[in-house]
Amino acid sequence: MTEEFQEPVQEPASASLEGRVAIVTGAGSRSDGIGNGRAASILMARAGARIVLIDAVREAALKTQEMIAADGGEAIVIDCDVTDEKSCKAAIDETLKTFGRVDILVNNVGIGGPKGNATDLDLGEWEHAMRVNLTSMVLMARYAIPAMAAQGKGAIINVSSVAGMIGGHPHLMYPTSKGAVINMTRAMAAHHGQSGVRVNCVCPGMVHTPMVSTSGMTPELRAERRARSFLGTEGNGWDVGHAIRFLASDEARWITGAILPVDAGSSAGRHSYSDRKGLSETRA
């Protein structure tokens, strides 16, 4: 046996998040159902993390807190406007004051934004949506990364969409912002890897969440969405939440800069959004 293979094999990494603190933006749902942020929050709490819940609708975050408490977990709600730098800094400062550390940041906030192409979309709405979908992630990372780097370890998971991976979307802003999140993730991973901070991206496909169900979804469209995936089944917030929990854990200790589609294979198929008979009108 050569010398390089004589080192002891490292034990398998743990899925436990015991002792860690996770911040989740967009941690509520627009009903009592399970959206991506709520699912990720609950699953990380079940793995032992203490959760900081941020949502534009405070009542939605409080409902997630209630669900975590019912499971025996610990979570707090912090009011934060993720488009405002001072507010983001204050949220990180409050987290450090309360828990003494920041280990995980899940940037989950996103909106559909204005409809239209470059010739007719509303530029004011464009700028607002880009600040929500992209700049908010930079602002939260700006103040979370130093805290992670100080302890030599951390994980950021940015939530994008398969809309950022494939062409043919009928509107310009949404796929543009989600594509930017993907390449921002890669750049962040390169910039902060030497500090022990891993940065990865989850790209949900056409999962059925409370936000989707209230956005003009019909039984016929829902059935067609299922049929367009390789598996022919419907995803939900739990599927996205499990991917986030995995990337947050030491099971993913050697994964950074990764773009993980959670879409039943739809992004690997030949169909663009424009092929999907209106499916893209309901945001992924």
Protein backbone atom coordinates (compact mmCIF):
# COMPACT_ATOMS: atom_id res chain seq x y z
CA MET A 1 0.00 0.00 0.00
CA THR A 2 1.39 3.40 -0.96
CA GLU A 3 1.94 6.01 1.72
CA GLU A 4 -0.89 8.24 0.51
CA PHE A 5 -3.46 5.52 1.32
CA GLN A 6 -2.18 4.73 4.80
CA GLU A 7 -4.12 7.54 6.49
CA PRO A 8 -7.14 6.38 8.52
CA VAL A 9 -10.42 6.60 6.65
CA GLN A 10 -12.55 9.45 7.95
CA GLU A 11 -15.80 8.45 9.61
CA PRO A 12 -19.01 9.22 7.68
CA ALA A 13 -20.19 12.79 8.10
CA SER A 14 -23.24 13.42 10.24
CA ALA A 15 -26.63 14.73 9.18
CA SER A 16 -27.04 16.29 12.62
CA LEU A 17 -27.17 20.07 12.92
CA GLU A 18 -27.04 19.96 16.71
CA GLY A 19 -25.67 23.17 18.19
CA ARG A 20 -25.87 25.13 14.94
CA VAL A 21 -27.82 28.27 14.13
CA ALA A 22 -29.61 28.64 10.80
CA ILE A 23 -31.14 31.80 9.34
CA VAL A 24 -33.92 31.27 6.79
CA THR A 25 -35.35 34.11 4.75
CA GLY A 26 -38.81 33.57 3.31
CA ALA A 27 -39.43 31.18 6.19
CA GLY A 28 -43.22 31.43 6.14
CA SER A 29 -45.89 30.20 3.75
CA ARG A 30 -48.87 32.05 2.34
CA SER A 31 -51.22 29.59 4.03
CA ASP A 32 -50.97 26.85 6.64
CA GLY A 33 -49.33 24.66 3.99
CA ILE A 34 -45.66 23.84 3.49
CA GLY A 35 -43.55 26.06 1.24
CA ASN A 36 -39.84 25.68 0.58
CA GLY A 37 -38.66 27.98 3.38
CA ARG A 38 -41.02 26.56 5.97
CA ALA A 39 -40.03 22.99 5.08
CA ALA A 40 -36.32 23.78 5.29
CA SER A 41 -36.80 25.49 8.65
CA ILE A 42 -38.72 22.57 10.14
CA LEU A 43 -36.31 19.94 8.82
CA MET A 44 -33.21 21.76 10.05
CA ALA A 45 -34.85 22.22 13.45
CA ARG A 46 -35.59 18.49 13.56
CA ALA A 47 -31.88 17.92 12.87
CA GLY A 48 -31.03 19.97 15.95
CA ALA A 49 -30.46 23.48 14.63
CA ARG A 50 -31.86 26.61 16.24
CA ILE A 51 -33.68 28.57 13.56
CA VAL A 52 -33.97 32.30 12.91
CA LEU A 53 -37.10 32.90 10.85
CA ILE A 54 -37.40 35.92 8.55
CA ASP A 55 -40.42 36.66 6.37
CA ALA A 56 -42.06 39.76 4.94
CA VAL A 57 -45.30 38.56 6.55
CA ARG A 58 -44.56 38.25 10.27
CA GLU A 59 -47.62 36.09 10.90
CA ALA A 60 -46.32 33.54 8.39
CA ALA A 61 -43.00 33.30 10.21
CA LEU A 62 -44.80 32.98 13.55
CA LYS A 63 -46.78 30.04 12.16
CA THR A 64 -43.52 28.32 11.18
CA GLN A 65 -42.18 29.02 14.68
CA GLU A 66 -45.30 27.42 16.13
CA MET A 67 -44.82 24.32 13.99
CA ILE A 68 -41.17 24.01 15.03
CA ALA A 69 -42.10 24.40 18.71
CA ALA A 70 -44.72 21.65 18.35
CA ASP A 71 -41.88 19.39 17.19
CA GLY A 72 -39.81 20.30 20.24
CA GLY A 73 -37.47 22.58 18.30
CA GLU A 74 -36.29 26.12 18.93
CA ALA A 75 -36.87 29.10 16.67
CA ILE A 76 -37.14 32.87 16.90
CA VAL A 77 -38.68 35.39 14.53
CA ILE A 78 -36.70 38.47 13.54
CA ASP A 79 -38.25 41.33 11.59
CA CYS A 80 -36.02 42.16 8.64
CA ASP A 81 -36.44 43.87 5.28
CA VAL A 82 -33.99 41.83 3.21
CA THR A 83 -33.78 44.57 0.58
CA ASP A 84 -32.39 47.03 3.14
CA GLU A 85 -28.73 46.76 4.14
CA LYS A 86 -29.14 48.20 7.64
CA SER A 87 -32.01 45.82 8.33
CA CYS A 88 -29.95 42.81 7.18
CA LYS A 89 -27.04 43.83 9.38
CA ALA A 90 -29.40 44.27 12.33
CA ALA A 91 -30.82 40.78 11.78
CA ILE A 92 -27.36 39.19 11.82
CA ASP A 93 -26.40 41.25 14.87
CA GLU A 94 -29.54 40.14 16.70
CA THR A 95 -28.85 36.52 15.81
CA LEU A 96 -25.32 36.78 17.19
CA LYS A 97 -26.59 38.51 20.32
CA THR A 98 -29.20 35.79 20.89
CA PHE A 99 -27.28 32.65 19.91
CA GLY A 100 -23.66 33.71 19.67
CA ARG A 101 -23.06 32.27 16.22
CA VAL A 102 -24.29 31.92 12.63
CA ASP A 103 -23.67 28.58 10.91
CA ILE A 104 -26.21 28.40 8.09
CA LEU A 105 -27.88 30.97 5.85
CA VAL A 106 -30.73 29.97 3.55
CA ASN A 107 -31.49 32.74 1.07
CA ASN A 108 -34.99 31.73 0.04
CA VAL A 109 -36.78 35.01 -0.68
CA GLY A 110 -38.07 35.47 -4.21
CA ILE A 111 -40.93 37.03 -6.16
CA GLY A 112 -42.26 36.63 -9.69
CA GLY A 113 -41.59 40.22 -10.67
CA PRO A 114 -42.89 42.10 -13.68
CA LYS A 115 -44.21 40.39 -16.77
CA GLY A 116 -42.96 41.25 -20.20
CA ASN A 117 -39.78 41.42 -22.25
CA ALA A 118 -37.12 44.09 -22.60
CA THR A 119 -39.35 46.24 -24.81
CA ASP A 120 -42.35 46.49 -22.54
CA LEU A 121 -41.67 45.53 -18.91
CA ASP A 122 -41.91 48.13 -16.16
CA LEU A 123 -38.34 49.15 -15.29
CA GLY A 124 -39.27 50.30 -11.78
CA GLU A 125 -40.76 46.87 -11.06
CA TRP A 126 -37.69 45.27 -12.66
CA GLU A 127 -35.34 47.08 -10.28
CA HIS A 128 -37.47 46.22 -7.25
CA ALA A 129 -37.69 42.54 -8.21
CA MET A 130 -33.96 42.29 -8.83
CA ARG A 131 -33.34 43.77 -5.39
CA VAL A 132 -35.66 41.19 -3.81
CA ASN A 133 -34.47 38.17 -5.80
CA LEU A 134 -30.75 38.89 -6.00
CA THR A 135 -29.46 41.85 -3.98
CA SER A 136 -31.16 40.57 -0.81
CA MET A 137 -28.96 37.47 -0.96
CA VAL A 138 -25.82 39.60 -1.21
CA LEU A 139 -26.93 41.76 1.71
CA MET A 140 -27.62 38.81 4.00
CA ALA A 141 -24.38 37.09 2.99
CA ARG A 142 -22.39 40.30 3.50
CA TYR A 143 -22.99 40.15 7.25
CA ALA A 144 -23.35 36.39 7.75
CA ILE A 145 -20.06 35.42 6.08
CA PRO A 146 -17.74 37.24 8.53
CA ALA A 147 -19.45 35.46 11.43
CA MET A 148 -19.03 32.10 9.69
CA ALA A 149 -15.44 32.80 8.70
CA ALA A 150 -14.58 33.72 12.30
CA GLN A 151 -15.51 30.20 13.38
CA GLY A 152 -13.87 28.63 10.28
CA LYS A 153 -17.01 27.00 8.96
CA GLY A 154 -20.39 27.84 7.48
CA ALA A 155 -22.91 26.98 4.80
CA ILE A 156 -24.97 29.22 2.55
CA ILE A 157 -27.76 27.81 0.41
CA ASN A 158 -29.21 30.13 -2.22
CA VAL A 159 -32.60 29.17 -3.64
CA SER A 160 -32.88 29.78 -7.38
CA SER A 161 -35.17 28.00 -9.87
CA VAL A 162 -34.96 25.79 -12.91
CA ALA A 163 -36.15 28.91 -14.71
CA GLY A 164 -32.59 30.18 -14.29
CA MET A 165 -31.17 27.09 -16.00
CA ILE A 166 -33.22 26.77 -19.19
CA GLY A 167 -34.52 29.11 -21.87
CA GLY A 168 -37.89 29.96 -23.27
CA HIS A 169 -39.51 31.67 -20.28
CA PRO A 170 -42.14 34.16 -21.47
CA HIS A 171 -40.95 36.93 -19.14
CA LEU A 172 -37.50 38.48 -18.84
CA MET A 173 -37.04 39.35 -15.19
CA TYR A 174 -37.68 36.04 -13.41
CA PRO A 175 -35.26 33.79 -15.34
CA THR A 176 -32.69 36.60 -15.46
CA SER A 177 -32.68 37.04 -11.69
CA LYS A 178 -32.67 33.30 -11.04
CA GLY A 179 -29.84 32.74 -13.51
CA ALA A 180 -27.88 35.45 -11.73
CA VAL A 181 -28.37 33.63 -8.42
CA ILE A 182 -26.76 30.53 -9.94
CA ASN A 183 -23.60 32.31 -11.06
CA MET A 184 -23.50 34.40 -7.89
CA THR A 185 -23.44 31.12 -5.97
CA ARG A 186 -20.44 29.89 -7.93
CA ALA A 187 -18.59 33.17 -7.41
CA MET A 188 -19.33 33.20 -3.67
CA ALA A 189 -18.10 29.62 -3.37
CA ALA A 190 -14.80 30.62 -4.96
CA HIS A 191 -14.44 33.76 -2.87
CA HIS A 192 -15.10 32.24 0.54
CA GLY A 193 -14.04 28.60 0.34
CA GLN A 194 -10.67 29.29 1.95
CA SER A 195 -12.55 30.64 4.97
CA GLY A 196 -14.43 27.35 5.31
CA VAL A 197 -17.70 28.76 3.98
CA ARG A 198 -19.51 26.50 1.52
CA VAL A 199 -22.00 28.11 -0.89
CA ASN A 200 -24.46 26.03 -2.89
CA CYS A 201 -27.66 26.55 -4.84
CA VAL A 202 -30.95 24.65 -4.96
CA CYS A 203 -33.10 25.04 -8.08
CA PRO A 204 -36.69 23.92 -7.48
CA GLY A 205 -38.74 22.85 -10.44
CA MET A 206 -42.49 23.08 -10.70
CA VAL A 207 -43.19 21.98 -7.13
CA HIS A 208 -46.65 22.49 -5.69
CA THR A 209 -46.47 24.96 -2.81
CA PRO A 210 -48.96 27.36 -1.20
CA MET A 211 -47.57 30.20 -3.34
CA VAL A 212 -48.13 28.19 -6.53
CA SER A 213 -51.59 27.02 -5.49
CA THR A 214 -52.74 30.62 -5.14
CA SER A 215 -51.24 31.75 -8.46
CA GLY A 216 -53.88 30.58 -10.91
CA MET A 217 -53.19 26.86 -10.67
CA THR A 218 -55.90 24.58 -12.10
CA PRO A 219 -56.27 20.79 -11.79
CA GLU A 220 -55.55 20.45 -15.51
CA LEU A 221 -52.36 22.52 -15.33
CA ARG A 222 -51.27 20.67 -12.21
CA ALA A 223 -51.66 17.33 -14.02
CA GLU A 224 -49.73 18.58 -17.02
CA ARG A 225 -46.90 19.83 -14.80
CA ARG A 226 -46.60 16.32 -13.33
CA ALA A 227 -46.56 14.74 -16.77
CA ARG A 228 -43.68 16.94 -17.97
CA SER A 229 -41.15 15.50 -15.51
CA PHE A 230 -39.17 12.28 -15.94
CA LEU A 231 -40.80 10.80 -12.86
CA GLY A 232 -44.33 11.90 -13.71
CA THR A 233 -44.95 12.85 -10.09
CA GLU A 234 -45.48 16.09 -8.20
CA GLY A 235 -42.91 17.67 -5.91
CA ASN A 236 -43.57 19.84 -2.88
CA GLY A 237 -41.84 22.02 -0.33
CA TRP A 238 -40.55 19.02 1.62
CA ASP A 239 -38.56 17.86 -1.41
CA VAL A 240 -36.84 21.23 -1.62
CA GLY A 241 -36.42 21.39 2.17
CA HIS A 242 -34.63 18.04 2.29
CA ALA A 243 -32.14 19.21 -0.34
CA ILE A 244 -31.46 22.37 1.67
CA ARG A 245 -31.03 20.42 4.91
CA PHE A 246 -28.56 18.08 3.24
CA LEU A 247 -26.44 20.92 1.84
CA ALA A 248 -26.44 22.58 5.27
CA SER A 249 -25.07 19.47 6.99
CA ASP A 250 -21.64 17.88 7.23
CA GLU A 251 -22.89 15.19 4.86
CA ALA A 252 -22.20 17.84 2.22
CA ARG A 253 -18.86 18.90 3.72
CA TRP A 254 -17.06 18.48 0.36
CA ILE A 255 -19.73 20.14 -1.75
CA THR A 256 -19.50 23.81 -2.68
CA GLY A 257 -20.37 25.77 -5.81
CA ALA A 258 -22.94 23.11 -6.69
CA ILE A 259 -26.21 23.78 -8.51
CA LEU A 260 -28.76 21.16 -7.46
CA PRO A 261 -32.02 20.89 -9.45
CA VAL A 262 -34.93 19.51 -7.45
CA ASP A 263 -37.31 19.01 -10.35
CA ALA A 264 -37.92 15.31 -11.10
CA GLY A 265 -35.53 15.65 -14.02
CA SER A 266 -37.46 18.28 -15.95
CA SER A 267 -34.43 20.55 -16.46
CA ALA A 268 -32.56 17.63 -18.02
CA GLY A 269 -35.27 17.12 -20.65
CA ARG A 270 -35.60 18.64 -24.09
CA HIS A 271 -38.51 20.95 -23.31
CA SER A 272 -38.00 24.65 -22.74
CA TYR A 273 -40.48 26.66 -20.73
CA SER A 274 -42.09 27.93 -23.92
CA ASP A 275 -42.85 24.34 -24.98
CA ARG A 276 -44.95 23.75 -21.89
CA LYS A 277 -48.28 25.17 -23.00
CA GLY A 278 -48.47 27.92 -20.41
CA LEU A 279 -46.73 26.08 -17.59
CA SER A 280 -44.26 28.92 -17.24
CA GLU A 281 -47.06 31.33 -16.46
CA THR A 282 -47.09 29.77 -13.00
CA ARG A 283 -43.76 30.43 -11.33
CA ALA A 284 -41.52 27.44 -10.57
